Amino acid sequence: MADHTATWLVEEWISRFGQVLESMVGERPQLEWTTAEAAAPETAPVLSWEQSFTMGNGGSLWIAAAEQTWTEIGARALEAAGLQEASVDDRRGTYIEILGQTHSALSQTLAARLGCEVTCQEATESAAAADAESFSIQIHFPGSKSVPLRLAIAPGFLDTVSASRAPEPVETVAPAVRQAPGAGRDGGPPETLDLLLEVELPVSVSFGRAYLPLQDVLRLTTGAIVELSRSVLEPVDVIVNNCVIARGEVVVVEGNYGVRIQQIIGRQERLRTLN
């Protein structure tokens, strides 16, 4: 069971990683994995990134990459975005962003399997635990030399996933529902609501705000930076018809920006955002 769980988890990670790479790089690399022996001492600098999840028994995994690997991945993603000249820090940050999106997608898969909410906790740079189960991953970009990654999974992580069981379908009998006055057919929404369902509303995303004196606005030039009132780690606002209805994190979907909804705003708070 443990071997089966490890295989499932590695393949799910690779699938999510490949999807994120394809969306940011523009091409999907070939990914191959094998079981690895205990990690040998590295002769070159290695970036080992630990990601924990909100699940019991030490839900952590580690991704270790040599500088050659994360530089190659980061550079390809930045070049696809039109940035030919990128610093080492930019490449490193882009690589870490790819890992973050991979693990966000993986958390949704884990939530479906475990039958409970699973979210990513703050990731840190940390070496893998000595008892973690390791796997070697080769990334083959078309027309380029392959680069390696090492994925390590904490034993507690595997135990938690192994203990999960897919919920069995349960037959339920829906209670008789008294149709309220004005309700639609089959007890559905009122017919008057049906008239509104096709109404189009403007949807926008707010990354933050800034207030500038007019004299500063007039001094703005190409390349100028306007600091917003929100940290890069804070969720963005989803605004519908000038009202904040949700908050979420920015993701990249097939080369386009998107927002993964993390919180639906309550009615009272929505009213406050209108002021």
C-alpha atoms as a PDB file:
ATOM      1  CA  MET A   1       0.000   0.000   0.000  1.00  0.00           C
ATOM      2  CA  ALA A   2       2.831   2.411   0.859  1.00  0.00           C
ATOM      3  CA  ASP A   3       4.544   1.766  -2.505  1.00  0.00           C
ATOM      4  CA  HIS A   4       1.247   2.276  -4.324  1.00  0.00           C
ATOM      5  CA  THR A   5       0.641   5.537  -2.450  1.00  0.00           C
ATOM      6  CA  ALA A   6       4.145   6.826  -3.177  1.00  0.00           C
ATOM      7  CA  THR A   7       3.716   6.018  -6.885  1.00  0.00           C
ATOM      8  CA  TRP A   8       0.371   7.800  -6.966  1.00  0.00           C
ATOM      9  CA  LEU A   9       1.751  10.866  -5.196  1.00  0.00           C
ATOM     10  CA  VAL A  10       4.853  11.154  -7.393  1.00  0.00           C
ATOM     11  CA  GLU A  11       2.811  10.832 -10.572  1.00  0.00           C
ATOM     12  CA  GLU A  12       0.307  13.410  -9.345  1.00  0.00           C
ATOM     13  CA  TRP A  13       3.146  15.820  -8.510  1.00  0.00           C
ATOM     14  CA  ILE A  14       4.731  15.303 -11.914  1.00  0.00           C
ATOM     15  CA  SER A  15       1.393  15.851 -13.655  1.00  0.00           C
ATOM     16  CA  ARG A  16       0.769  19.152 -11.851  1.00  0.00           C
ATOM     17  CA  PHE A  17       4.382  20.272 -12.349  1.00  0.00           C
ATOM     18  CA  GLY A  18       4.164  19.514 -16.070  1.00  0.00           C
ATOM     19  CA  GLN A  19       0.919  21.474 -16.414  1.00  0.00           C
ATOM     20  CA  VAL A  20       2.381  24.544 -14.703  1.00  0.00           C
ATOM     21  CA  LEU A  21       5.556  24.361 -16.809  1.00  0.00           C
ATOM     22  CA  GLU A  22       3.507  24.119 -19.980  1.00  0.00           C
ATOM     23  CA  SER A  23       1.428  27.160 -19.024  1.00  0.00           C
ATOM     24  CA  MET A  24       4.479  29.286 -18.217  1.00  0.00           C
ATOM     25  CA  VAL A  25       7.038  27.995 -20.715  1.00  0.00           C
ATOM     26  CA  GLY A  26       4.726  27.312 -23.634  1.00  0.00           C
ATOM     27  CA  GLU A  27       5.755  23.690 -24.105  1.00  0.00           C
ATOM     28  CA  ARG A  28       5.328  20.602 -21.986  1.00  0.00           C
ATOM     29  CA  PRO A  29       8.575  18.776 -21.195  1.00  0.00           C
ATOM     30  CA  GLN A  30       8.875  15.031 -20.911  1.00  0.00           C
ATOM     31  CA  LEU A  31       9.118  13.989 -17.264  1.00  0.00           C
ATOM     32  CA  GLU A  32      10.515  10.651 -16.103  1.00  0.00           C
ATOM     33  CA  TRP A  33      10.991   9.431 -12.541  1.00  0.00           C
ATOM     34  CA  THR A  34      12.667   6.575 -10.724  1.00  0.00           C
ATOM     35  CA  THR A  35      13.075   5.592  -7.099  1.00  0.00           C
ATOM     36  CA  ALA A  36      16.252   7.132  -5.697  1.00  0.00           C
ATOM     37  CA  GLU A  37      18.659   5.915  -3.102  1.00  0.00           C
ATOM     38  CA  ALA A  38      19.447   8.027  -0.054  1.00  0.00           C
ATOM     39  CA  ALA A  39      20.681  11.421  -1.146  1.00  0.00           C
ATOM     40  CA  ALA A  40      24.455  11.533  -1.572  1.00  0.00           C
ATOM     41  CA  PRO A  41      26.454  14.600  -0.550  1.00  0.00           C
ATOM     42  CA  GLU A  42      26.157  17.237  -3.268  1.00  0.00           C
ATOM     43  CA  THR A  43      29.257  18.791  -4.765  1.00  0.00           C
ATOM     44  CA  ALA A  44      27.348  21.732  -6.278  1.00  0.00           C
ATOM     45  CA  PRO A  45      24.957  24.215  -4.598  1.00  0.00           C
ATOM     46  CA  VAL A  46      21.446  22.779  -4.294  1.00  0.00           C
ATOM     47  CA  LEU A  47      18.199  24.626  -3.648  1.00  0.00           C
ATOM     48  CA  SER A  48      16.067  22.371  -1.422  1.00  0.00           C
ATOM     49  CA  TRP A  49      12.531  23.708  -1.043  1.00  0.00           C
ATOM     50  CA  GLU A  50      10.200  22.315   1.635  1.00  0.00           C
ATOM     51  CA  GLN A  51       6.435  22.525   1.200  1.00  0.00           C
ATOM     52  CA  SER A  52       4.115  21.617   4.070  1.00  0.00           C
ATOM     53  CA  PHE A  53       0.383  21.015   3.847  1.00  0.00           C
ATOM     54  CA  THR A  54      -2.412  21.319   6.389  1.00  0.00           C
ATOM     55  CA  MET A  55      -2.682  17.615   7.086  1.00  0.00           C
ATOM     56  CA  GLY A  56      -1.583  15.439   9.998  1.00  0.00           C
ATOM     57  CA  ASN A  57       1.541  13.366  10.552  1.00  0.00           C
ATOM     58  CA  GLY A  58       4.050  15.748   9.009  1.00  0.00           C
ATOM     59  CA  GLY A  59       2.573  16.521   5.621  1.00  0.00           C
ATOM     60  CA  SER A  60       5.773  17.749   3.980  1.00  0.00           C
ATOM     61  CA  LEU A  61       7.657  17.165   0.765  1.00  0.00           C
ATOM     62  CA  TRP A  62      10.929  18.555  -0.533  1.00  0.00           C
ATOM     63  CA  ILE A  63      12.097  19.502  -4.012  1.00  0.00           C
ATOM     64  CA  ALA A  64      15.870  19.650  -4.433  1.00  0.00           C
ATOM     65  CA  ALA A  65      17.379  21.156  -7.568  1.00  0.00           C
ATOM     66  CA  ALA A  66      20.922  22.009  -8.570  1.00  0.00           C
ATOM     67  CA  GLU A  67      21.549  25.552  -9.772  1.00  0.00           C
ATOM     68  CA  GLN A  68      21.671  24.309 -13.355  1.00  0.00           C
ATOM     69  CA  THR A  69      18.113  22.976 -13.030  1.00  0.00           C
ATOM     70  CA  TRP A  70      16.341  25.930 -11.425  1.00  0.00           C
ATOM     71  CA  THR A  71      18.258  28.374 -13.616  1.00  0.00           C
ATOM     72  CA  GLU A  72      17.175  26.527 -16.767  1.00  0.00           C
ATOM     73  CA  ILE A  73      13.524  26.362 -15.691  1.00  0.00           C
ATOM     74  CA  GLY A  74      13.404  29.971 -14.527  1.00  0.00           C
ATOM     75  CA  ALA A  75      15.121  31.266 -17.651  1.00  0.00           C
ATOM     76  CA  ARG A  76      12.727  29.413 -19.967  1.00  0.00           C
ATOM     77  CA  ALA A  77       9.674  30.792 -18.177  1.00  0.00           C
ATOM     78  CA  LEU A  78      11.031  34.352 -18.259  1.00  0.00           C
ATOM     79  CA  GLU A  79      11.990  34.074 -21.929  1.00  0.00           C
ATOM     80  CA  ALA A  80       8.448  32.900 -22.714  1.00  0.00           C
ATOM     81  CA  ALA A  81       7.235  36.087 -20.999  1.00  0.00           C
ATOM     82  CA  GLY A  82       9.514  38.202 -23.199  1.00  0.00           C
ATOM     83  CA  LEU A  83      12.336  38.741 -20.686  1.00  0.00           C
ATOM     84  CA  GLN A  84      15.517  37.697 -22.430  1.00  0.00           C
ATOM     85  CA  GLU A  85      17.905  39.256 -19.912  1.00  0.00           C
ATOM     86  CA  ALA A  86      17.019  38.076 -16.385  1.00  0.00           C
ATOM     87  CA  SER A  87      19.079  38.108 -13.220  1.00  0.00           C
ATOM     88  CA  VAL A  88      19.849  35.033 -11.154  1.00  0.00           C
ATOM     89  CA  ASP A  89      17.409  36.214  -8.497  1.00  0.00           C
ATOM     90  CA  ASP A  90      14.650  36.570 -11.104  1.00  0.00           C
ATOM     91  CA  ARG A  91      15.241  33.029 -12.339  1.00  0.00           C
ATOM     92  CA  ARG A  92      15.255  31.671  -8.818  1.00  0.00           C
ATOM     93  CA  GLY A  93      12.061  33.518  -7.919  1.00  0.00           C
ATOM     94  CA  THR A  94      10.322  32.310 -11.074  1.00  0.00           C
ATOM     95  CA  TYR A  95      11.321  28.711 -10.352  1.00  0.00           C
ATOM     96  CA  ILE A  96       9.958  28.993  -6.804  1.00  0.00           C
ATOM     97  CA  GLU A  97       6.717  30.474  -8.187  1.00  0.00           C
ATOM     98  CA  ILE A  98       6.370  27.421 -10.448  1.00  0.00           C
ATOM     99  CA  LEU A  99       6.772  25.161  -7.417  1.00  0.00           C
ATOM    100  CA  GLY A 100       4.178  27.197  -5.532  1.00  0.00           C
ATOM    101  CA  GLN A 101       1.613  26.816  -8.300  1.00  0.00           C
ATOM    102  CA  THR A 102       2.411  23.099  -8.545  1.00  0.00           C
ATOM    103  CA  HIS A 103       1.792  22.568  -4.841  1.00  0.00           C
ATOM    104  CA  SER A 104      -1.381  24.666  -4.861  1.00  0.00           C
ATOM    105  CA  ALA A 105      -2.771  22.389  -7.568  1.00  0.00           C
ATOM    106  CA  LEU A 106      -1.557  19.306  -5.691  1.00  0.00           C
ATOM    107  CA  SER A 107      -3.369  20.441  -2.533  1.00  0.00           C
ATOM    108  CA  GLN A 108      -6.664  20.318  -4.454  1.00  0.00           C
ATOM    109  CA  THR A 109      -5.935  16.753  -5.511  1.00  0.00           C
ATOM    110  CA  LEU A 110      -5.080  15.781  -1.934  1.00  0.00           C
ATOM    111  CA  ALA A 111      -8.266  17.413  -0.658  1.00  0.00           C
ATOM    112  CA  ALA A 112     -10.341  15.338  -3.083  1.00  0.00           C
ATOM    113  CA  ARG A 113      -8.630  12.130  -1.985  1.00  0.00           C
ATOM    114  CA  LEU A 114      -8.686  12.821   1.757  1.00  0.00           C
ATOM    115  CA  GLY A 115     -12.177  14.251   1.766  1.00  0.00           C
ATOM    116  CA  CYS A 116     -11.140  17.364   3.701  1.00  0.00           C
ATOM    117  CA  GLU A 117      -9.701  20.786   3.045  1.00  0.00           C
ATOM    118  CA  VAL A 118      -5.965  20.748   2.328  1.00  0.00           C
ATOM    119  CA  THR A 119      -4.012  23.947   1.797  1.00  0.00           C
ATOM    120  CA  CYS A 120      -0.354  24.875   1.381  1.00  0.00           C
ATOM    121  CA  GLN A 121       1.483  26.291   4.342  1.00  0.00           C
ATOM    122  CA  GLU A 122       4.379  28.704   4.002  1.00  0.00           C
ATOM    123  CA  ALA A 123       7.236  27.103   2.071  1.00  0.00           C
ATOM    124  CA  THR A 124      10.816  27.370   3.275  1.00  0.00           C
ATOM    125  CA  GLU A 125      14.299  26.504   2.115  1.00  0.00           C
ATOM    126  CA  SER A 126      15.177  23.353   4.059  1.00  0.00           C
ATOM    127  CA  ALA A 127      16.992  20.064   3.538  1.00  0.00           C
ATOM    128  CA  ALA A 128      14.918  16.901   3.285  1.00  0.00           C
ATOM    129  CA  ALA A 129      14.422  14.762   6.381  1.00  0.00           C
ATOM    130  CA  ALA A 130      16.798  11.809   6.654  1.00  0.00           C
ATOM    131  CA  ASP A 131      13.928   9.267   6.614  1.00  0.00           C
ATOM    132  CA  ALA A 132      12.109  10.814   3.650  1.00  0.00           C
ATOM    133  CA  GLU A 133      11.464   8.595   0.632  1.00  0.00           C
ATOM    134  CA  SER A 134      13.323   9.992  -2.392  1.00  0.00           C
ATOM    135  CA  PHE A 135      12.651   9.952  -6.117  1.00  0.00           C
ATOM    136  CA  SER A 136      14.737  11.184  -9.057  1.00  0.00           C
ATOM    137  CA  ILE A 137      12.979  13.146 -11.791  1.00  0.00           C
ATOM    138  CA  GLN A 138      14.451  13.946 -15.197  1.00  0.00           C
ATOM    139  CA  ILE A 139      13.063  16.940 -17.111  1.00  0.00           C
ATOM    140  CA  HIS A 140      13.515  16.712 -20.889  1.00  0.00           C
ATOM    141  CA  PHE A 141      12.839  19.969 -22.748  1.00  0.00           C
ATOM    142  CA  PRO A 142      12.648  19.601 -26.557  1.00  0.00           C
ATOM    143  CA  GLY A 143      16.018  20.261 -28.152  1.00  0.00           C
ATOM    144  CA  SER A 144      17.819  20.632 -24.836  1.00  0.00           C
ATOM    145  CA  LYS A 145      19.800  18.534 -22.395  1.00  0.00           C
ATOM    146  CA  SER A 146      17.721  17.039 -19.588  1.00  0.00           C
ATOM    147  CA  VAL A 147      17.981  18.479 -16.075  1.00  0.00           C
ATOM    148  CA  PRO A 148      17.328  16.575 -12.829  1.00  0.00           C
ATOM    149  CA  LEU A 149      15.159  17.153  -9.780  1.00  0.00           C
ATOM    150  CA  ARG A 150      14.858  15.207  -6.544  1.00  0.00           C
ATOM    151  CA  LEU A 151      11.493  14.774  -4.855  1.00  0.00           C
ATOM    152  CA  ALA A 152      11.448  13.589  -1.224  1.00  0.00           C
ATOM    153  CA  ILE A 153       8.289  12.745   0.747  1.00  0.00           C
ATOM    154  CA  ALA A 154       7.993  12.541   4.520  1.00  0.00           C
ATOM    155  CA  PRO A 155       6.850   9.118   5.850  1.00  0.00           C
ATOM    156  CA  GLY A 156       4.001  10.759   7.747  1.00  0.00           C
ATOM    157  CA  PHE A 157       2.770  12.279   4.506  1.00  0.00           C
ATOM    158  CA  LEU A 158       2.590   8.851   2.871  1.00  0.00           C
ATOM    159  CA  ASP A 159       0.886   7.359   5.935  1.00  0.00           C
ATOM    160  CA  THR A 160      -1.847   9.994   5.883  1.00  0.00           C
ATOM    161  CA  VAL A 161      -2.544   9.517   2.183  1.00  0.00           C
ATOM    162  CA  SER A 162      -2.390   5.703   2.513  1.00  0.00           C
ATOM    163  CA  ALA A 163      -4.997   5.778   5.287  1.00  0.00           C
ATOM    164  CA  SER A 164      -7.455   7.691   3.138  1.00  0.00           C
ATOM    165  CA  ARG A 165     -10.364   5.919   1.552  1.00  0.00           C
ATOM    166  CA  ALA A 166     -12.479   7.195  -1.274  1.00  0.00           C
ATOM    167  CA  PRO A 167     -15.977   7.827   0.115  1.00  0.00           C
ATOM    168  CA  GLU A 168     -18.500   5.217  -0.966  1.00  0.00           C
ATOM    169  CA  PRO A 169     -21.653   6.519  -2.657  1.00  0.00           C
ATOM    170  CA  VAL A 170     -24.626   6.615  -0.342  1.00  0.00           C
ATOM    171  CA  GLU A 171     -28.163   6.536  -1.657  1.00  0.00           C
ATOM    172  CA  THR A 172     -30.276   9.288  -0.224  1.00  0.00           C
ATOM    173  CA  VAL A 173     -33.910  10.100  -0.680  1.00  0.00           C
ATOM    174  CA  ALA A 174     -34.566  13.770  -1.140  1.00  0.00           C
ATOM    175  CA  PRO A 175     -37.293  15.037   1.190  1.00  0.00           C
ATOM    176  CA  ALA A 176     -40.404  16.504  -0.314  1.00  0.00           C
ATOM    177  CA  VAL A 177     -39.906  20.223  -0.848  1.00  0.00           C
ATOM    178  CA  ARG A 178     -42.838  22.519  -0.692  1.00  0.00           C
ATOM    179  CA  GLN A 179     -42.684  24.921  -3.588  1.00  0.00           C
ATOM    180  CA  ALA A 180     -42.603  28.471  -2.371  1.00  0.00           C
ATOM    181  CA  PRO A 181     -44.729  31.134  -4.017  1.00  0.00           C
ATOM    182  CA  GLY A 182     -42.916  32.565  -7.021  1.00  0.00           C
ATOM    183  CA  ALA A 183     -40.573  29.565  -7.334  1.00  0.00           C
ATOM    184  CA  GLY A 184     -39.764  28.212 -10.725  1.00  0.00           C
ATOM    185  CA  ARG A 185     -40.604  24.806 -12.092  1.00  0.00           C
ATOM    186  CA  ASP A 186     -39.465  21.747 -10.139  1.00  0.00           C
ATOM    187  CA  GLY A 187     -38.864  23.953  -7.100  1.00  0.00           C
ATOM    188  CA  GLY A 188     -36.020  25.766  -8.843  1.00  0.00           C
ATOM    189  CA  PRO A 189     -35.181  29.464  -8.767  1.00  0.00           C
ATOM    190  CA  PRO A 190     -38.033  31.922  -9.282  1.00  0.00           C
ATOM    191  CA  GLU A 191     -38.773  32.617 -12.907  1.00  0.00           C
ATOM    192  CA  THR A 192     -38.048  36.295 -12.290  1.00  0.00           C
ATOM    193  CA  LEU A 193     -34.484  35.316 -11.308  1.00  0.00           C
ATOM    194  CA  ASP A 194     -34.106  33.455 -14.591  1.00  0.00           C
ATOM    195  CA  LEU A 195     -34.452  36.792 -16.355  1.00  0.00           C
ATOM    196  CA  LEU A 196     -31.316  38.062 -14.600  1.00  0.00           C
ATOM    197  CA  LEU A 197     -29.049  35.068 -15.142  1.00  0.00           C
ATOM    198  CA  GLU A 198     -27.949  36.252 -18.595  1.00  0.00           C
ATOM    199  CA  VAL A 199     -27.064  39.750 -17.424  1.00  0.00           C
ATOM    200  CA  GLU A 200     -23.358  40.473 -17.958  1.00  0.00           C
ATOM    201  CA  LEU A 201     -21.432  42.149 -15.138  1.00  0.00           C
ATOM    202  CA  PRO A 202     -17.922  43.622 -15.234  1.00  0.00           C
ATOM    203  CA  VAL A 203     -15.357  41.555 -13.299  1.00  0.00           C
ATOM    204  CA  SER A 204     -12.000  43.010 -12.291  1.00  0.00           C
ATOM    205  CA  VAL A 205      -9.127  42.087  -9.978  1.00  0.00           C
ATOM    206  CA  SER A 206      -7.504  44.593  -7.625  1.00  0.00           C
ATOM    207  CA  PHE A 207      -3.856  44.100  -6.698  1.00  0.00           C
ATOM    208  CA  GLY A 208      -3.878  47.142  -4.417  1.00  0.00           C
ATOM    209  CA  ARG A 209      -4.276  50.907  -4.347  1.00  0.00           C
ATOM    210  CA  ALA A 210      -2.083  53.955  -4.057  1.00  0.00           C
ATOM    211  CA  TYR A 211      -2.821  57.634  -3.483  1.00  0.00           C
ATOM    212  CA  LEU A 212      -0.409  60.082  -5.120  1.00  0.00           C
ATOM    213  CA  PRO A 213      -0.279  63.866  -5.143  1.00  0.00           C
ATOM    214  CA  LEU A 214      -1.001  65.326  -8.536  1.00  0.00           C
ATOM    215  CA  GLN A 215       2.580  66.574  -8.826  1.00  0.00           C
ATOM    216  CA  ASP A 216       3.862  62.998  -8.418  1.00  0.00           C
ATOM    217  CA  VAL A 217       1.431  61.728 -11.049  1.00  0.00           C
ATOM    218  CA  LEU A 218       2.730  64.306 -13.517  1.00  0.00           C
ATOM    219  CA  ARG A 219       6.298  63.109 -12.903  1.00  0.00           C
ATOM    220  CA  LEU A 220       5.518  59.489 -13.822  1.00  0.00           C
ATOM    221  CA  THR A 221       7.561  58.191 -16.741  1.00  0.00           C
ATOM    222  CA  THR A 222       8.173  54.864 -18.440  1.00  0.00           C
ATOM    223  CA  GLY A 223       9.845  52.545 -15.944  1.00  0.00           C
ATOM    224  CA  ALA A 224       8.553  54.369 -12.870  1.00  0.00           C
ATOM    225  CA  ILE A 225       7.318  52.151 -10.016  1.00  0.00           C
ATOM    226  CA  VAL A 226       4.143  52.872  -8.065  1.00  0.00           C
ATOM    227  CA  GLU A 227       4.069  51.081  -4.699  1.00  0.00           C
ATOM    228  CA  LEU A 228       0.675  49.608  -3.864  1.00  0.00           C
ATOM    229  CA  SER A 229      -0.942  49.245  -0.449  1.00  0.00           C
ATOM    230  CA  ARG A 230      -0.798  45.454  -0.448  1.00  0.00           C
ATOM    231  CA  SER A 231       1.946  42.877   0.127  1.00  0.00           C
ATOM    232  CA  VAL A 232       2.726  40.391  -2.657  1.00  0.00           C
ATOM    233  CA  LEU A 233       1.730  37.612  -0.232  1.00  0.00           C
ATOM    234  CA  GLU A 234      -1.772  38.990   0.389  1.00  0.00           C
ATOM    235  CA  PRO A 235      -4.729  37.744  -1.671  1.00  0.00           C
ATOM    236  CA  VAL A 236      -6.146  39.973  -4.400  1.00  0.00           C
ATOM    237  CA  ASP A 237      -9.721  41.298  -4.492  1.00  0.00           C
ATOM    238  CA  VAL A 238     -12.221  40.015  -7.050  1.00  0.00           C
ATOM    239  CA  ILE A 239     -14.595  42.881  -7.851  1.00  0.00           C
ATOM    240  CA  VAL A 240     -17.946  42.440  -9.582  1.00  0.00           C
ATOM    241  CA  ASN A 241     -19.925  45.558 -10.476  1.00  0.00           C
ATOM    242  CA  ASN A 242     -17.793  47.693  -8.104  1.00  0.00           C
ATOM    243  CA  CYS A 243     -18.338  45.309  -5.177  1.00  0.00           C
ATOM    244  CA  VAL A 244     -15.673  43.017  -3.675  1.00  0.00           C
ATOM    245  CA  ILE A 245     -17.215  39.541  -3.649  1.00  0.00           C
ATOM    246  CA  ALA A 246     -14.182  37.272  -3.156  1.00  0.00           C
ATOM    247  CA  ARG A 247     -10.438  37.091  -2.571  1.00  0.00           C
ATOM    248  CA  GLY A 248      -7.902  34.710  -4.033  1.00  0.00           C
ATOM    249  CA  GLU A 249      -4.393  34.070  -5.344  1.00  0.00           C
ATOM    250  CA  VAL A 250      -3.067  34.896  -8.808  1.00  0.00           C
ATOM    251  CA  VAL A 251      -2.280  31.886 -11.008  1.00  0.00           C
ATOM    252  CA  VAL A 252      -1.311  31.317 -14.638  1.00  0.00           C
ATOM    253  CA  VAL A 253      -3.691  29.241 -16.761  1.00  0.00           C
ATOM    254  CA  GLU A 254      -2.600  28.333 -20.287  1.00  0.00           C
ATOM    255  CA  GLY A 255      -0.454  31.453 -20.507  1.00  0.00           C
ATOM    256  CA  ASN A 256      -3.137  33.776 -19.113  1.00  0.00           C
ATOM    257  CA  TYR A 257      -3.456  35.240 -15.650  1.00  0.00           C
ATOM    258  CA  GLY A 258      -6.289  33.955 -13.475  1.00  0.00           C
ATOM    259  CA  VAL A 259      -7.440  34.034  -9.863  1.00  0.00           C
ATOM    260  CA  ARG A 260      -8.004  30.956  -7.693  1.00  0.00           C
ATOM    261  CA  ILE A 261     -10.837  31.822  -5.292  1.00  0.00           C
ATOM    262  CA  GLN A 262      -9.855  31.291  -1.654  1.00  0.00           C
ATOM    263  CA  GLN A 263     -12.519  33.251   0.219  1.00  0.00           C
ATOM    264  CA  ILE A 264     -16.083  34.358  -0.511  1.00  0.00           C
ATOM    265  CA  ILE A 265     -16.898  37.687   1.118  1.00  0.00           C
ATOM    266  CA  GLY A 266     -19.880  37.838   3.484  1.00  0.00           C
ATOM    267  CA  ARG A 267     -22.865  40.091   2.811  1.00  0.00           C
ATOM    268  CA  GLN A 268     -22.029  42.695   5.466  1.00  0.00           C
ATOM    269  CA  GLU A 269     -18.436  43.034   4.301  1.00  0.00           C
ATOM    270  CA  ARG A 270     -19.615  43.369   0.711  1.00  0.00           C
ATOM    271  CA  LEU A 271     -21.774  46.293   1.735  1.00  0.00           C
ATOM    272  CA  ARG A 272     -18.807  47.945   3.429  1.00  0.00           C
ATOM    273  CA  THR A 273     -16.710  47.676   0.237  1.00  0.00           C
ATOM    274  CA  LEU A 274     -19.295  49.727  -1.614  1.00  0.00           C
ATOM    275  CA  ASN A 275     -18.486  52.788   0.511  1.00  0.00           C
END
